[in-house]
């Protein structure tokens, strides 16, 4: 194993500390699990980034989806 050094902003580190405390695990273990997850899911991450970039380049116009608004209403029966 090799030791690395990371720089994290304070809000992120505070959130990590809160979660690791509630899970009774170390920062190192948490970061290791998070990195392993990211590596296993890198294809999904890449597709989500491409999806977001596409919408940033060509945003949806409000009239494109207005016909589907009624489909979002679930009636109680």
PDB file of N, CA and C in Angstrom:
ATOM      1  N   UNK A   1       0.842  -1.175   0.000  1.00  0.00           N
ATOM      2  CA  UNK A   1       0.000   0.000   0.000  1.00  0.00           C
ATOM      3  C   UNK A   1       0.886   1.235   0.000  1.00  0.00           C
ATOM      4  N   UNK A   2       0.359   2.278  -0.622  1.00  0.00           N
ATOM      5  CA  UNK A   2       1.097   3.532  -0.702  1.00  0.00           C
ATOM      6  C   UNK A   2       0.281   4.631  -0.029  1.00  0.00           C
ATOM      7  N   UNK A   3       0.950   5.534   0.650  1.00  0.00           N
ATOM      8  CA  UNK A   3       0.301   6.662   1.300  1.00  0.00           C
ATOM      9  C   UNK A   3       0.266   7.832   0.331  1.00  0.00           C
ATOM     10  N   UNK A   4      -0.912   8.478   0.222  1.00  0.00           N
ATOM     11  CA  UNK A   4      -1.044   9.669  -0.608  1.00  0.00           C
ATOM     12  C   UNK A   4      -1.548  10.814   0.242  1.00  0.00           C
ATOM     13  N   UNK A   5      -1.455  12.013  -0.285  1.00  0.00           N
ATOM     14  CA  UNK A   5      -1.923  13.193   0.431  1.00  0.00           C
ATOM     15  C   UNK A   5      -3.009  13.856  -0.397  1.00  0.00           C
ATOM     16  N   UNK A   6      -4.126  14.209   0.243  1.00  0.00           N
ATOM     17  CA  UNK A   6      -5.248  14.859  -0.434  1.00  0.00           C
ATOM     18  C   UNK A   6      -5.522  16.215   0.197  1.00  0.00           C
ATOM     19  N   UNK A   7      -6.001  17.135  -0.628  1.00  0.00           N
ATOM     20  CA  UNK A   7      -6.462  18.419  -0.127  1.00  0.00           C
ATOM     21  C   UNK A   7      -7.967  18.480  -0.343  1.00  0.00           C
ATOM     22  N   UNK A   8      -8.720  18.667   0.732  1.00  0.00           N
ATOM     23  CA  UNK A   8     -10.181  18.725   0.668  1.00  0.00           C
ATOM     24  C   UNK A   8     -10.650  20.027   1.294  1.00  0.00           C
ATOM     25  N   UNK A   9     -11.733  20.588   0.747  1.00  0.00           N
ATOM     26  CA  UNK A   9     -12.255  21.804   1.366  1.00  0.00           C
ATOM     27  C   UNK A   9     -12.946  21.458   2.685  1.00  0.00           C
ATOM     28  N   UNK A  10     -13.066  22.448   3.533  1.00  0.00           N
ATOM     29  CA  UNK A  10     -13.582  22.239   4.890  1.00  0.00           C
ATOM     30  C   UNK A  10     -15.001  21.660   4.934  1.00  0.00           C
ATOM     31  N   UNK A  11     -15.943  22.166   4.120  1.00  0.00           N
ATOM     32  CA  UNK A  11     -17.291  21.586   4.181  1.00  0.00           C
ATOM     33  C   UNK A  11     -17.316  20.099   3.814  1.00  0.00           C
ATOM     34  N   UNK A  12     -16.541  19.718   2.810  1.00  0.00           N
ATOM     35  CA  UNK A  12     -16.487  18.311   2.417  1.00  0.00           C
ATOM     36  C   UNK A  12     -15.872  17.468   3.526  1.00  0.00           C
ATOM     37  N   UNK A  13     -14.807  17.943   4.101  1.00  0.00           N
ATOM     38  CA  UNK A  13     -14.158  17.211   5.184  1.00  0.00           C
ATOM     39  C   UNK A  13     -15.087  17.077   6.393  1.00  0.00           C
ATOM     40  N   UNK A  14     -15.832  18.130   6.691  1.00  0.00           N
ATOM     41  CA  UNK A  14     -16.782  18.076   7.814  1.00  0.00           C
ATOM     42  C   UNK A  14     -17.863  17.027   7.552  1.00  0.00           C
ATOM     43  N   UNK A  15     -18.331  16.969   6.309  1.00  0.00           N
ATOM     44  CA  UNK A  15     -19.347  15.976   5.963  1.00  0.00           C
ATOM     45  C   UNK A  15     -18.778  14.561   6.052  1.00  0.00           C
ATOM     46  N   UNK A  16     -17.560  14.380   5.573  1.00  0.00           N
ATOM     47  CA  UNK A  16     -16.897  13.075   5.669  1.00  0.00           C
ATOM     48  C   UNK A  16     -16.740  12.670   7.127  1.00  0.00           C
ATOM     49  N   UNK A  17     -16.291  13.601   7.955  1.00  0.00           N
ATOM     50  CA  UNK A  17     -16.116  13.294   9.384  1.00  0.00           C
ATOM     51  C   UNK A  17     -17.434  12.905  10.039  1.00  0.00           C
ATOM     52  N   UNK A  18     -18.515  13.593   9.676  1.00  0.00           N
ATOM     53  CA  UNK A  18     -19.832  13.286  10.245  1.00  0.00           C
ATOM     54  C   UNK A  18     -20.259  11.869   9.853  1.00  0.00           C
ATOM     55  N   UNK A  19     -20.093  11.536   8.582  1.00  0.00           N
ATOM     56  CA  UNK A  19     -20.496  10.218   8.092  1.00  0.00           C
ATOM     57  C   UNK A  19     -19.609   9.124   8.676  1.00  0.00           C
ATOM     58  N   UNK A  20     -18.308   9.345   8.678  1.00  0.00           N
ATOM     59  CA  UNK A  20     -17.410   8.306   9.191  1.00  0.00           C
ATOM     60  C   UNK A  20     -17.657   8.059  10.676  1.00  0.00           C
ATOM     61  N   UNK A  21     -17.991   9.107  11.392  1.00  0.00           N
ATOM     62  CA  UNK A  21     -18.300   8.936  12.814  1.00  0.00           C
ATOM     63  C   UNK A  21     -19.557   8.076  12.987  1.00  0.00           C
ATOM     64  N   UNK A  22     -20.596   8.384  12.184  1.00  0.00           N
ATOM     65  CA  UNK A  22     -21.841   7.618  12.307  1.00  0.00           C
ATOM     66  C   UNK A  22     -21.667   6.166  11.866  1.00  0.00           C
ATOM     67  N   UNK A  23     -20.716   5.913  10.962  1.00  0.00           N
ATOM     68  CA  UNK A  23     -20.457   4.552  10.500  1.00  0.00           C
ATOM     69  C   UNK A  23     -19.349   3.851  11.296  1.00  0.00           C
ATOM     70  N   UNK A  24     -18.777   4.571  12.230  1.00  0.00           N
ATOM     71  CA  UNK A  24     -17.674   4.042  13.055  1.00  0.00           C
ATOM     72  C   UNK A  24     -16.540   3.515  12.178  1.00  0.00           C
ATOM     73  N   UNK A  25     -16.103   4.366  11.248  1.00  0.00           N
ATOM     74  CA  UNK A  25     -14.979   3.982  10.395  1.00  0.00           C
ATOM     75  C   UNK A  25     -14.024   5.162  10.254  1.00  0.00           C
ATOM     76  N   UNK A  26     -12.847   4.897   9.780  1.00  0.00           N
ATOM     77  CA  UNK A  26     -11.849   5.956   9.624  1.00  0.00           C
ATOM     78  C   UNK A  26     -12.066   6.702   8.314  1.00  0.00           C
ATOM     79  N   UNK A  27     -11.493   7.896   8.229  1.00  0.00           N
ATOM     80  CA  UNK A  27     -11.519   8.648   6.978  1.00  0.00           C
ATOM     81  C   UNK A  27     -10.888   7.824   5.863  1.00  0.00           C
ATOM     82  N   UNK A  28      -9.780   7.199   6.186  1.00  0.00           N
ATOM     83  CA  UNK A  28      -9.054   6.406   5.192  1.00  0.00           C
ATOM     84  C   UNK A  28      -9.927   5.305   4.618  1.00  0.00           C
ATOM     85  N   UNK A  29     -10.612   4.573   5.475  1.00  0.00           N
ATOM     86  CA  UNK A  29     -11.484   3.492   5.005  1.00  0.00           C
ATOM     87  C   UNK A  29     -12.614   4.044   4.148  1.00  0.00           C
ATOM     88  N   UNK A  30     -13.194   5.150   4.570  1.00  0.00           N
ATOM     89  CA  UNK A  30     -14.287   5.747   3.821  1.00  0.00           C
ATOM     90  C   UNK A  30     -13.834   6.205   2.441  1.00  0.00           C
ATOM     91  N   UNK A  31     -12.711   6.900   2.386  1.00  0.00           N
ATOM     92  CA  UNK A  31     -12.188   7.384   1.108  1.00  0.00           C
ATOM     93  C   UNK A  31     -11.809   6.214   0.213  1.00  0.00           C
ATOM     94  N   UNK A  32     -11.231   5.176   0.775  1.00  0.00           N
ATOM     95  CA  UNK A  32     -10.878   3.993  -0.014  1.00  0.00           C
ATOM     96  C   UNK A  32     -12.125   3.372  -0.644  1.00  0.00           C
ATOM     97  N   UNK A  33     -13.189   3.215   0.146  1.00  0.00           N
ATOM     98  CA  UNK A  33     -14.444   2.656  -0.370  1.00  0.00           C
ATOM     99  C   UNK A  33     -15.025   3.563  -1.455  1.00  0.00           C
ATOM    100  N   UNK A  34     -14.994   4.869  -1.227  1.00  0.00           N
ATOM    101  CA  UNK A  34     -15.534   5.819  -2.206  1.00  0.00           C
ATOM    102  C   UNK A  34     -14.757   5.750  -3.522  1.00  0.00           C
ATOM    103  N   UNK A  35     -13.449   5.643  -3.445  1.00  0.00           N
ATOM    104  CA  UNK A  35     -12.633   5.551  -4.655  1.00  0.00           C
ATOM    105  C   UNK A  35     -12.864   4.230  -5.381  1.00  0.00           C
ATOM    106  N   UNK A  36     -12.982   3.148  -4.633  1.00  0.00           N
ATOM    107  CA  UNK A  36     -13.276   1.850  -5.255  1.00  0.00           C
ATOM    108  C   UNK A  36     -14.624   1.885  -5.955  1.00  0.00           C
ATOM    109  N   UNK A  37     -15.628   2.509  -5.321  1.00  0.00           N
ATOM    110  CA  UNK A  37     -16.948   2.638  -5.933  1.00  0.00           C
ATOM    111  C   UNK A  37     -16.855   3.442  -7.226  1.00  0.00           C
ATOM    112  N   UNK A  38     -16.127   4.561  -7.187  1.00  0.00           N
ATOM    113  CA  UNK A  38     -15.992   5.412  -8.374  1.00  0.00           C
ATOM    114  C   UNK A  38     -15.316   4.657  -9.517  1.00  0.00           C
ATOM    115  N   UNK A  39     -14.317   3.871  -9.206  1.00  0.00           N
ATOM    116  CA  UNK A  39     -13.647   3.090 -10.245  1.00  0.00           C
ATOM    117  C   UNK A  39     -14.578   2.040 -10.850  1.00  0.00           C
ATOM    118  N   UNK A  40     -15.379   1.376 -10.021  1.00  0.00           N
ATOM    119  CA  UNK A  40     -16.323   0.375 -10.518  1.00  0.00           C
ATOM    120  C   UNK A  40     -17.420   1.012 -11.373  1.00  0.00           C
ATOM    121  N   UNK A  41     -17.735   2.264 -11.092  1.00  0.00           N
ATOM    122  CA  UNK A  41     -18.841   2.945 -11.765  1.00  0.00           C
ATOM    123  C   UNK A  41     -18.384   4.047 -12.714  1.00  0.00           C
ATOM    124  N   UNK A  42     -17.150   3.981 -13.168  1.00  0.00           N
ATOM    125  CA  UNK A  42     -16.617   5.057 -14.005  1.00  0.00           C
ATOM    126  C   UNK A  42     -17.377   5.224 -15.316  1.00  0.00           C
ATOM    127  N   UNK A  43     -17.904   4.148 -15.881  1.00  0.00           N
ATOM    128  CA  UNK A  43     -18.659   4.267 -17.122  1.00  0.00           C
ATOM    129  C   UNK A  43     -19.959   5.049 -16.893  1.00  0.00           C
ATOM    130  N   UNK A  44     -20.631   4.760 -15.794  1.00  0.00           N
ATOM    131  CA  UNK A  44     -21.857   5.488 -15.465  1.00  0.00           C
ATOM    132  C   UNK A  44     -21.543   6.961 -15.211  1.00  0.00           C
ATOM    133  N   UNK A  45     -20.473   7.231 -14.490  1.00  0.00           N
ATOM    134  CA  UNK A  45     -20.067   8.608 -14.201  1.00  0.00           C
ATOM    135  C   UNK A  45     -19.794   9.354 -15.500  1.00  0.00           C
ATOM    136  N   UNK A  46     -19.074   8.715 -16.438  1.00  0.00           N
ATOM    137  CA  UNK A  46     -18.756   9.339 -17.723  1.00  0.00           C
ATOM    138  C   UNK A  46     -20.029   9.623 -18.516  1.00  0.00           C
ATOM    139  N   UNK A  47     -20.972   8.684 -18.533  1.00  0.00           N
ATOM    140  CA  UNK A  47     -22.227   8.897 -19.254  1.00  0.00           C
ATOM    141  C   UNK A  47     -23.046  10.029 -18.635  1.00  0.00           C
ATOM    142  N   UNK A  48     -23.059  10.115 -17.308  1.00  0.00           N
ATOM    143  CA  UNK A  48     -23.788  11.198 -16.642  1.00  0.00           C
ATOM    144  C   UNK A  48     -23.157  12.548 -16.960  1.00  0.00           C
ATOM    145  N   UNK A  49     -21.827  12.596 -17.024  1.00  0.00           N
ATOM    146  CA  UNK A  49     -21.153  13.848 -17.383  1.00  0.00           C
ATOM    147  C   UNK A  49     -21.499  14.257 -18.816  1.00  0.00           C
ATOM    148  N   UNK A  50     -21.502  13.288 -19.751  1.00  0.00           N
ATOM    149  CA  UNK A  50     -21.862  13.583 -21.139  1.00  0.00           C
ATOM    150  C   UNK A  50     -23.304  14.060 -21.233  1.00  0.00           C
ATOM    151  N   UNK A  51     -24.177  13.446 -20.467  1.00  0.00           N
ATOM    152  CA  UNK A  51     -25.587  13.829 -20.435  1.00  0.00           C
ATOM    153  C   UNK A  51     -25.728  15.285 -19.973  1.00  0.00           C
ATOM    154  N   UNK A  52     -25.055  15.617 -18.877  1.00  0.00           N
ATOM    155  CA  UNK A  52     -25.115  16.981 -18.341  1.00  0.00           C
ATOM    156  C   UNK A  52     -24.527  17.993 -19.328  1.00  0.00           C
ATOM    157  N   UNK A  53     -23.423  17.627 -19.978  1.00  0.00           N
ATOM    158  CA  UNK A  53     -22.810  18.535 -20.962  1.00  0.00           C
ATOM    159  C   UNK A  53     -23.744  18.775 -22.143  1.00  0.00           C
ATOM    160  N   UNK A  54     -24.449  17.725 -22.566  1.00  0.00           N
ATOM    161  CA  UNK A  54     -25.405  17.878 -23.660  1.00  0.00           C
ATOM    162  C   UNK A  54     -26.521  18.842 -23.315  1.00  0.00           C
ATOM    163  N   UNK A  55     -27.063  18.732 -22.106  1.00  0.00           N
ATOM    164  CA  UNK A  55     -28.122  19.657 -21.682  1.00  0.00           C
ATOM    165  C   UNK A  55     -27.582  21.068 -21.463  1.00  0.00           C
ATOM    166  N   UNK A  56     -26.313  21.189 -21.091  1.00  0.00           N
ATOM    167  CA  UNK A  56     -25.721  22.515 -20.936  1.00  0.00           C
ATOM    168  C   UNK A  56     -25.570  23.181 -22.309  1.00  0.00           C
ATOM    169  N   UNK A  57     -25.205  22.381 -23.318  1.00  0.00           N
ATOM    170  CA  UNK A  57     -25.056  22.917 -24.682  1.00  0.00           C
ATOM    171  C   UNK A  57     -26.406  23.210 -25.325  1.00  0.00           C
ATOM    172  N   UNK A  58     -27.392  22.360 -25.063  1.00  0.00           N
ATOM    173  CA  UNK A  58     -28.696  22.490 -25.701  1.00  0.00           C
ATOM    174  C   UNK A  58     -29.789  22.265 -24.653  1.00  0.00           C
ATOM    175  N   UNK A  59     -30.087  23.303 -23.874  1.00  0.00           N
ATOM    176  CA  UNK A  59     -31.090  23.157 -22.808  1.00  0.00           C
ATOM    177  C   UNK A  59     -32.477  22.830 -23.378  1.00  0.00           C
ATOM    178  N   UNK A  60     -33.266  22.177 -22.566  1.00  0.00           N
ATOM    179  CA  UNK A  60     -34.635  21.840 -22.951  1.00  0.00           C
ATOM    180  C   UNK A  60     -35.476  23.107 -22.879  1.00  0.00           C
ATOM    181  N   UNK A  61     -36.248  23.350 -23.927  1.00  0.00           N
ATOM    182  CA  UNK A  61     -37.179  24.482 -23.922  1.00  0.00           C
ATOM    183  C   UNK A  61     -38.413  24.080 -23.124  1.00  0.00           C
ATOM    184  N   UNK A  62     -39.023  25.026 -22.447  1.00  0.00           N
ATOM    185  CA  UNK A  62     -40.165  24.708 -21.584  1.00  0.00           C
ATOM    186  C   UNK A  62     -41.327  24.084 -22.356  1.00  0.00           C
ATOM    187  N   UNK A  63     -41.494  24.474 -23.611  1.00  0.00           N
ATOM    188  CA  UNK A  63     -42.607  23.920 -24.385  1.00  0.00           C
ATOM    189  C   UNK A  63     -42.347  22.491 -24.866  1.00  0.00           C
ATOM    190  N   UNK A  64     -41.109  22.015 -24.762  1.00  0.00           N
ATOM    191  CA  UNK A  64     -40.790  20.654 -25.180  1.00  0.00           C
ATOM    192  C   UNK A  64     -41.376  19.603 -24.243  1.00  0.00           C
ATOM    193  N   UNK A  65     -41.504  19.937 -22.987  1.00  0.00           N
ATOM    194  CA  UNK A  65     -41.953  18.947 -22.009  1.00  0.00           C
ATOM    195  C   UNK A  65     -43.311  19.263 -21.403  1.00  0.00           C
ATOM    196  N   UNK A  66     -43.912  20.370 -21.784  1.00  0.00           N
ATOM    197  CA  UNK A  66     -45.176  20.775 -21.160  1.00  0.00           C
ATOM    198  C   UNK A  66     -46.295  19.758 -21.397  1.00  0.00           C
ATOM    199  N   UNK A  67     -46.272  19.068 -22.542  1.00  0.00           N
ATOM    200  CA  UNK A  67     -47.326  18.092 -22.811  1.00  0.00           C
ATOM    201  C   UNK A  67     -47.261  16.889 -21.877  1.00  0.00           C
ATOM    202  N   UNK A  68     -46.152  16.693 -21.187  1.00  0.00           N
ATOM    203  CA  UNK A  68     -45.996  15.559 -20.279  1.00  0.00           C
ATOM    204  C   UNK A  68     -46.318  15.919 -18.828  1.00  0.00           C
ATOM    205  N   UNK A  69     -46.593  17.187 -18.542  1.00  0.00           N
ATOM    206  CA  UNK A  69     -46.844  17.609 -17.165  1.00  0.00           C
ATOM    207  C   UNK A  69     -48.028  16.880 -16.541  1.00  0.00           C
ATOM    208  N   UNK A  70     -49.059  16.622 -17.314  1.00  0.00           N
ATOM    209  CA  UNK A  70     -50.230  15.934 -16.756  1.00  0.00           C
ATOM    210  C   UNK A  70     -49.900  14.499 -16.359  1.00  0.00           C
ATOM    211  N   UNK A  71     -48.885  13.913 -16.946  1.00  0.00           N
ATOM    212  CA  UNK A  71     -48.474  12.551 -16.615  1.00  0.00           C
ATOM    213  C   UNK A  71     -47.828  12.463 -15.235  1.00  0.00           C
ATOM    214  N   UNK A  72     -47.424  13.596 -14.687  1.00  0.00           N
ATOM    215  CA  UNK A  72     -46.759  13.621 -13.390  1.00  0.00           C
ATOM    216  C   UNK A  72     -47.748  13.628 -12.234  1.00  0.00           C
ATOM    217  N   UNK A  73     -49.011  13.795 -12.522  1.00  0.00           N
ATOM    218  CA  UNK A  73     -50.033  13.873 -11.475  1.00  0.00           C
ATOM    219  C   UNK A  73     -50.591  12.476 -11.203  1.00  0.00           C
ATOM    220  N   UNK A  74     -50.449  12.031  -9.976  1.00  0.00           N
ATOM    221  CA  UNK A  74     -50.955  10.717  -9.567  1.00  0.00           C
ATOM    222  C   UNK A  74     -52.216  10.946  -8.749  1.00  0.00           C
ATOM    223  N   UNK A  75     -53.295  10.435  -9.202  1.00  0.00           N
ATOM    224  CA  UNK A  75     -54.548  10.617  -8.484  1.00  0.00           C
ATOM    225  C   UNK A  75     -54.703   9.527  -7.425  1.00  0.00           C
ATOM    226  N   UNK A  76     -55.200   9.938  -6.263  1.00  0.00           N
ATOM    227  CA  UNK A  76     -55.505   8.981  -5.202  1.00  0.00           C
ATOM    228  C   UNK A  76     -56.860   8.350  -5.511  1.00  0.00           C
ATOM    229  N   UNK A  77     -56.905   7.044  -5.432  1.00  0.00           N
ATOM    230  CA  UNK A  77     -58.173   6.346  -5.708  1.00  0.00           C
ATOM    231  C   UNK A  77     -58.575   5.499  -4.536  1.00  0.00           C
TER     232      UNK A  77
END
